[in-house]
Amino acid sequence: MPVEPLEHTPASDGPRHVALIMDGNGRWAQARGLPRALGHREGVQALKRTVQAAPALGIKCLTVFGFSTENWRRPAEEVSDLMGLVRTYVASDLRKLEREGVRVRILGRRAGLPADIAQIIERTEASTAHNDRFLLQVAFNYGGRADIVDAAQRYADRVRAGEATGPLDEETLGLGLSTAGGPPVDVIVRTSGEQRLSNFLLWEAAYAEFVYQNVLWPDYGAEALADVVEQYRNRDRRFGGLTSAPALAAG
């Protein structure tokens, strides 16, 4: 079942697609004298709250940064715990997501993932593919640069196979991204006060709005997400153009 792209809407209507860099799990745990693993576990609860709150705010799609291609450099114990959270989240919430009309889509590279994680991803996507009330995209083993490189490589492979000809343009490259067919990103949010993209949705961020919030991810929920919607509604989105102004009176 293909993803139906959403049209861009005026900022005053509120964002339909919010992308979240869920930052601050480790600092949340450290501030409480707890292991980082507990911060990540509380972060899963924050994700559940946020997904639950989004539809009532007019949001139709959330894309969250779950695990980056660079996160493999973290200590093996932390990586193992993060993989364990994927297993736990799916086991505890998959049926609920199915019932509530949430479609789950995983962005990023599948190669190199533990076999059971790859199977969980396939099962989750398959069991929610018919849902169309809300789209949850999880960037997992994902990096913006890697995704662009992979898209270009897919096109080169098609050219070598005689399936494509001509120069590579923006539209064709976009169709090779793991986000292909998805709705345009309206706003990218980073929590914890940090202000950088960290290799997240580099292509898709071209005309997205940015919101930085001084809240650690485990404390996130409906109130913080509502603040994003309000900030977005006060933005002037021009997509490279100019805001229309009234014509000057003659004379």
Protein backbone atom coordinates (compact mmCIF):
# COMPACT_ATOMS: atom_id res chain seq x y z
CA MET A 1 0.00 0.00 0.00
CA PRO A 2 1.72 3.21 -1.15
CA VAL A 3 2.01 6.24 1.10
CA GLU A 4 -0.21 9.07 -0.07
CA PRO A 5 1.78 12.34 -0.18
CA LEU A 6 0.22 15.25 1.69
CA GLU A 7 -0.01 18.61 -0.01
CA HIS A 8 1.76 21.57 1.56
CA THR A 9 -0.69 23.60 3.60
CA PRO A 10 -0.40 27.15 4.96
CA ALA A 11 1.46 27.35 8.26
CA SER A 12 -1.65 28.82 9.86
CA ASP A 13 -3.35 25.44 9.38
CA GLY A 14 -0.73 23.72 11.53
CA PRO A 15 1.82 21.07 10.55
CA ARG A 16 0.63 17.78 9.10
CA HIS A 17 4.07 16.13 9.19
CA VAL A 18 6.33 16.64 12.21
CA ALA A 19 9.82 15.08 12.35
CA LEU A 20 11.40 14.64 15.77
CA ILE A 21 15.02 14.25 16.85
CA MET A 22 14.42 12.65 20.23
CA ASP A 23 17.40 13.97 22.18
CA GLY A 24 18.24 13.99 25.87
CA ASN A 25 17.68 10.45 27.16
CA GLY A 26 21.21 10.14 28.52
CA ARG A 27 21.21 13.57 30.20
CA TRP A 28 17.79 12.86 31.72
CA ALA A 29 19.14 9.69 33.33
CA GLN A 30 22.41 11.31 34.39
CA ALA A 31 20.57 14.15 36.15
CA ARG A 32 18.79 11.52 38.24
CA GLY A 33 21.84 9.37 38.91
CA LEU A 34 20.38 6.57 36.75
CA PRO A 35 21.95 4.38 34.04
CA ARG A 36 21.57 5.66 30.46
CA ALA A 37 19.52 2.55 29.68
CA LEU A 38 16.74 3.82 31.94
CA GLY A 39 16.74 7.12 30.07
CA HIS A 40 16.19 5.25 26.81
CA ARG A 41 13.35 3.25 28.36
CA GLU A 42 11.64 6.41 29.56
CA GLY A 43 12.16 7.79 26.06
CA VAL A 44 10.01 4.95 24.69
CA GLN A 45 7.20 6.03 27.03
CA ALA A 46 7.58 9.60 25.74
CA LEU A 47 7.25 8.31 22.17
CA LYS A 48 4.03 6.49 23.08
CA ARG A 49 2.60 9.68 24.63
CA THR A 50 3.58 11.75 21.62
CA VAL A 51 2.08 9.36 19.06
CA GLN A 52 -1.11 9.29 21.12
CA ALA A 53 -1.30 13.11 21.26
CA ALA A 54 -0.46 13.89 17.63
CA PRO A 55 -3.80 13.20 15.83
CA ALA A 56 -5.77 15.51 18.14
CA LEU A 57 -3.37 18.32 17.14
CA GLY A 58 -4.09 17.83 13.44
CA ILE A 59 -0.83 15.97 12.79
CA LYS A 60 -1.14 13.14 10.26
CA CYS A 61 2.46 11.90 10.27
CA LEU A 62 5.31 11.70 12.77
CA THR A 63 8.84 10.77 11.74
CA VAL A 64 11.16 10.01 14.65
CA PHE A 65 14.90 9.43 14.73
CA GLY A 66 15.24 6.09 16.49
CA PHE A 67 18.76 4.88 15.67
CA SER A 68 21.30 6.42 13.33
CA THR A 69 23.99 4.82 11.17
CA GLU A 70 26.48 6.50 13.54
CA ASN A 71 24.92 5.03 16.70
CA TRP A 72 26.74 1.72 16.09
CA ARG A 73 29.81 3.52 17.49
CA ARG A 74 28.23 3.66 20.94
CA PRO A 75 29.24 1.12 23.60
CA ALA A 76 28.06 -2.39 22.73
CA GLU A 77 25.96 -2.59 25.90
CA GLU A 78 24.02 0.57 24.98
CA VAL A 79 23.47 -0.61 21.39
CA SER A 80 22.20 -3.94 22.73
CA ASP A 81 19.80 -2.14 25.07
CA LEU A 82 18.48 0.04 22.24
CA MET A 83 17.82 -3.07 20.15
CA GLY A 84 16.04 -4.58 23.12
CA LEU A 85 13.76 -1.55 23.31
CA VAL A 86 12.68 -2.15 19.71
CA ARG A 87 11.67 -5.68 20.65
CA THR A 88 9.83 -4.47 23.75
CA TYR A 89 8.03 -1.60 22.02
CA VAL A 90 6.74 -3.79 19.20
CA ALA A 91 5.73 -6.56 21.59
CA SER A 92 3.80 -4.17 23.84
CA ASP A 93 2.27 -1.76 21.32
CA LEU A 94 1.89 -3.40 17.90
CA ARG A 95 -1.68 -4.59 18.47
CA LYS A 96 -2.65 -1.17 19.81
CA LEU A 97 -1.13 0.57 16.77
CA GLU A 98 -3.03 -1.80 14.49
CA ARG A 99 -6.33 -1.14 16.30
CA GLU A 100 -5.87 2.64 16.25
CA GLY A 101 -5.22 2.86 12.53
CA VAL A 102 -1.51 3.69 12.74
CA ARG A 103 0.65 2.64 9.85
CA VAL A 104 4.31 2.07 10.78
CA ARG A 105 7.01 2.60 8.20
CA ILE A 106 10.72 2.06 8.87
CA LEU A 107 13.27 4.29 7.13
CA GLY A 108 16.92 3.35 6.72
CA ARG A 109 19.18 0.46 5.82
CA ARG A 110 18.04 -3.09 6.56
CA ALA A 111 21.41 -4.70 5.78
CA GLY A 112 23.49 -5.39 8.89
CA LEU A 113 20.60 -5.42 11.35
CA PRO A 114 20.25 -8.37 13.73
CA ALA A 115 18.08 -11.00 12.04
CA ASP A 116 15.28 -10.81 14.61
CA ILE A 117 15.16 -7.00 14.39
CA ALA A 118 14.85 -7.21 10.59
CA GLN A 119 11.99 -9.70 11.03
CA ILE A 120 10.28 -7.43 13.57
CA ILE A 121 10.49 -4.54 11.10
CA GLU A 122 8.99 -6.61 8.29
CA ARG A 123 6.21 -7.93 10.54
CA THR A 124 5.37 -4.47 11.87
CA GLU A 125 5.18 -2.90 8.41
CA ALA A 126 3.12 -5.79 7.02
CA SER A 127 0.62 -5.88 9.88
CA THR A 128 -0.05 -2.12 9.77
CA ALA A 129 0.15 -1.60 5.99
CA HIS A 130 -3.64 -1.32 5.64
CA ASN A 131 -3.94 1.51 8.19
CA ASP A 132 -4.46 5.06 6.97
CA ARG A 133 -5.51 7.13 10.00
CA PHE A 134 -1.96 8.08 11.00
CA LEU A 135 1.57 7.42 9.70
CA LEU A 136 4.47 6.76 12.07
CA GLN A 137 7.84 6.68 10.34
CA VAL A 138 10.79 5.45 12.39
CA ALA A 139 14.27 6.25 11.10
CA PHE A 140 16.24 3.20 12.21
CA ASN A 141 19.81 2.47 11.09
CA TYR A 142 19.28 5.69 9.17
CA GLY A 143 21.54 8.54 8.11
CA GLY A 144 20.63 11.38 5.76
CA ARG A 145 23.90 11.18 3.82
CA ALA A 146 23.73 7.40 3.57
CA ASP A 147 20.16 7.61 2.28
CA ILE A 148 21.15 10.05 -0.48
CA VAL A 149 24.14 7.87 -1.45
CA ASP A 150 21.91 4.78 -1.52
CA ALA A 151 19.39 6.56 -3.75
CA ALA A 152 22.12 7.59 -6.20
CA GLN A 153 23.50 4.05 -6.19
CA ARG A 154 20.06 2.61 -6.95
CA TYR A 155 19.82 4.88 -9.98
CA ALA A 156 23.33 3.92 -11.15
CA ASP A 157 22.34 0.25 -10.82
CA ARG A 158 19.24 0.86 -12.94
CA VAL A 159 21.31 2.60 -15.61
CA ARG A 160 23.77 -0.30 -15.73
CA ALA A 161 20.86 -2.73 -16.04
CA GLY A 162 19.42 -0.72 -18.94
CA GLU A 163 16.33 0.21 -16.92
CA ALA A 164 17.01 3.96 -16.85
CA THR A 165 18.70 6.52 -19.05
CA GLY A 166 19.51 10.20 -18.93
CA PRO A 167 20.86 12.49 -16.21
CA LEU A 168 19.85 12.06 -12.59
CA ASP A 169 17.48 14.84 -11.54
CA GLU A 170 15.94 15.81 -8.19
CA GLU A 171 12.65 14.03 -8.79
CA THR A 172 14.36 10.76 -9.75
CA LEU A 173 16.76 10.90 -6.82
CA GLY A 174 13.88 11.59 -4.45
CA LEU A 175 12.12 8.46 -5.63
CA GLY A 176 15.14 6.42 -4.53
CA LEU A 177 15.16 7.69 -0.94
CA SER A 178 13.75 5.59 1.88
CA THR A 179 11.21 8.41 2.45
CA ALA A 180 9.94 8.17 -1.15
CA GLY A 181 6.17 8.47 -1.40
CA GLY A 182 5.92 9.94 2.07
CA PRO A 183 4.40 13.30 2.96
CA PRO A 184 6.57 16.44 2.83
CA VAL A 185 8.14 17.43 6.15
CA ASP A 186 6.60 20.59 7.57
CA VAL A 187 8.68 21.01 10.71
CA ILE A 188 11.75 19.36 12.24
CA VAL A 189 11.96 19.43 16.03
CA ARG A 190 14.98 18.76 18.22
CA THR A 191 14.57 18.37 21.94
CA SER A 192 17.05 18.97 24.81
CA GLY A 193 18.18 22.41 23.62
CA GLU A 194 20.69 21.18 21.04
CA GLN A 195 20.50 22.92 17.66
CA ARG A 196 21.76 20.68 14.86
CA LEU A 197 20.36 18.14 12.39
CA SER A 198 22.76 15.29 13.20
CA ASN A 199 22.42 13.77 9.71
CA PHE A 200 18.61 13.55 9.92
CA LEU A 201 16.42 14.04 6.83
CA LEU A 202 19.01 16.18 5.04
CA TRP A 203 17.21 16.05 1.69
CA GLU A 204 13.73 16.42 3.15
CA ALA A 205 14.75 19.37 5.36
CA ALA A 206 15.20 21.72 2.38
CA TYR A 207 12.11 23.84 3.16
CA ALA A 208 11.09 22.50 6.54
CA GLU A 209 10.67 24.80 9.52
CA PHE A 210 12.89 24.18 12.57
CA VAL A 211 11.88 24.22 16.23
CA TYR A 212 14.31 23.67 19.12
CA GLN A 213 12.88 22.90 22.53
CA ASN A 214 14.59 22.92 25.92
CA VAL A 215 12.94 19.73 27.10
CA LEU A 216 14.70 16.39 27.51
CA TRP A 217 13.01 13.70 25.46
CA PRO A 218 11.82 11.48 28.37
CA ASP A 219 9.77 14.47 29.61
CA TYR A 220 8.10 14.99 26.21
CA GLY A 221 4.40 14.69 25.55
CA ALA A 222 1.22 16.45 24.45
CA GLU A 223 2.07 19.87 25.90
CA ALA A 224 5.47 20.10 24.19
CA LEU A 225 4.00 18.89 20.89
CA ALA A 226 1.21 21.47 21.13
CA ASP A 227 3.92 24.14 21.54
CA VAL A 228 5.47 22.97 18.24
CA VAL A 229 2.11 23.34 16.50
CA GLU A 230 1.66 26.86 17.89
CA GLN A 231 5.15 27.95 16.87
CA TYR A 232 4.63 26.55 13.40
CA ARG A 233 1.36 28.42 12.96
CA ASN A 234 3.22 31.68 13.54
CA ARG A 235 5.76 30.99 10.81
CA ASP A 236 5.71 32.47 7.29
CA ARG A 237 6.49 29.66 4.84
CA ARG A 238 7.60 30.90 1.40
CA PHE A 239 9.37 27.88 -0.18
CA GLY A 240 11.93 30.15 -1.83
CA GLY A 241 9.37 32.74 -2.97
CA LEU A 242 8.08 35.94 -1.46
CA THR A 243 5.07 36.63 0.67
CA SER A 244 2.40 38.25 -1.46
CA ALA A 245 1.99 41.90 -0.61
CA PRO A 246 -0.87 44.23 -1.56
CA ALA A 247 -0.28 46.15 -4.76
CA LEU A 248 0.67 49.83 -4.33
CA ALA A 249 -2.11 52.27 -5.16
CA ALA A 250 -1.55 54.23 -8.35
CA GLY A 251 -1.18 58.00 -8.37
